Amino acid sequence: MVRNRMKRQLRAIMALETAALPPGTFLVRVSPAAASLDYARLRCSVARAAAQAAGAAEGRREGRRSR
């Protein structure tokens, strides 16, 4: 039951956060500890990871332009 609840919550959160991610970016792992987070904290954690992924992708794109 916990796994299904996590899948539903993550699916809903990613529907909101997808715009922050550059095309081709994937989230590949959710730790078991995430099951203890409430929706608000889980969403905050996913948003933070999405922002980091977007920043890293932007840095890679800028690095390619400056060569």
Protein backbone atom coordinates (compact mmCIF):
# COMPACT_ATOMS: atom_id res chain seq x y z
CA MET A 1 0.00 0.00 0.00
CA VAL A 2 2.81 2.41 0.82
CA ARG A 3 4.43 1.88 -2.58
CA ASN A 4 1.18 2.64 -4.42
CA ARG A 5 0.60 5.76 -2.31
CA MET A 6 4.14 6.93 -3.11
CA LYS A 7 3.63 6.30 -6.83
CA ARG A 8 0.39 8.32 -6.83
CA GLN A 9 1.93 11.19 -4.90
CA LEU A 10 5.07 11.28 -7.04
CA ARG A 11 3.01 11.15 -10.23
CA ALA A 12 0.97 14.16 -9.04
CA ILE A 13 4.07 16.07 -7.95
CA MET A 14 5.91 15.43 -11.20
CA ALA A 15 2.91 16.69 -13.15
CA LEU A 16 3.53 19.99 -11.37
CA GLU A 17 7.34 19.96 -11.55
CA THR A 18 7.88 18.75 -15.12
CA ALA A 19 8.05 22.29 -16.49
CA ALA A 20 11.14 22.95 -14.33
CA LEU A 21 13.06 20.08 -15.89
CA PRO A 22 14.90 20.35 -19.18
CA PRO A 23 13.91 17.82 -21.85
CA GLY A 24 15.63 14.48 -21.40
CA THR A 25 16.05 14.82 -17.63
CA PHE A 26 15.02 11.81 -15.58
CA LEU A 27 14.65 11.21 -11.88
CA VAL A 28 15.86 7.70 -11.27
CA ARG A 29 15.60 6.92 -7.57
CA VAL A 30 13.38 7.47 -4.57
CA SER A 31 14.77 6.35 -1.25
CA PRO A 32 12.63 4.21 1.05
CA ALA A 33 12.84 7.01 3.61
CA ALA A 34 10.60 9.09 1.33
CA ALA A 35 7.68 6.92 2.42
CA SER A 36 7.74 8.66 5.80
CA LEU A 37 7.37 12.16 4.29
CA ASP A 38 4.02 13.87 4.07
CA TYR A 39 2.92 15.24 0.70
CA ALA A 40 4.18 18.79 1.33
CA ARG A 41 7.68 17.64 2.32
CA LEU A 42 7.82 15.14 -0.52
CA ARG A 43 6.84 17.85 -2.99
CA CYS A 44 9.48 20.21 -1.56
CA SER A 45 12.12 17.51 -1.88
CA VAL A 46 11.16 16.74 -5.48
CA ALA A 47 11.09 20.46 -6.35
CA ARG A 48 14.57 20.89 -4.89
CA ALA A 49 15.88 17.90 -6.89
CA ALA A 50 14.23 19.25 -10.06
CA ALA A 51 15.83 22.67 -9.53
CA GLN A 52 19.24 21.04 -9.04
CA ALA A 53 18.78 18.97 -12.19
CA ALA A 54 17.71 22.04 -14.17
CA GLY A 55 20.72 24.01 -12.89
CA ALA A 56 23.12 21.19 -13.72
CA ALA A 57 21.66 20.84 -17.20
CA GLU A 58 21.95 24.59 -17.76
CA GLY A 59 25.57 24.51 -16.65
CA ARG A 60 26.32 21.71 -19.10
CA ARG A 61 24.66 23.66 -21.92
CA GLU A 62 26.62 26.81 -21.09
CA GLY A 63 29.86 24.81 -20.97
CA ARG A 64 29.24 23.56 -24.49
CA ARG A 65 28.61 27.08 -25.79
CA SER A 66 31.82 28.53 -24.37
CA ARG A 67 34.13 25.99 -26.07
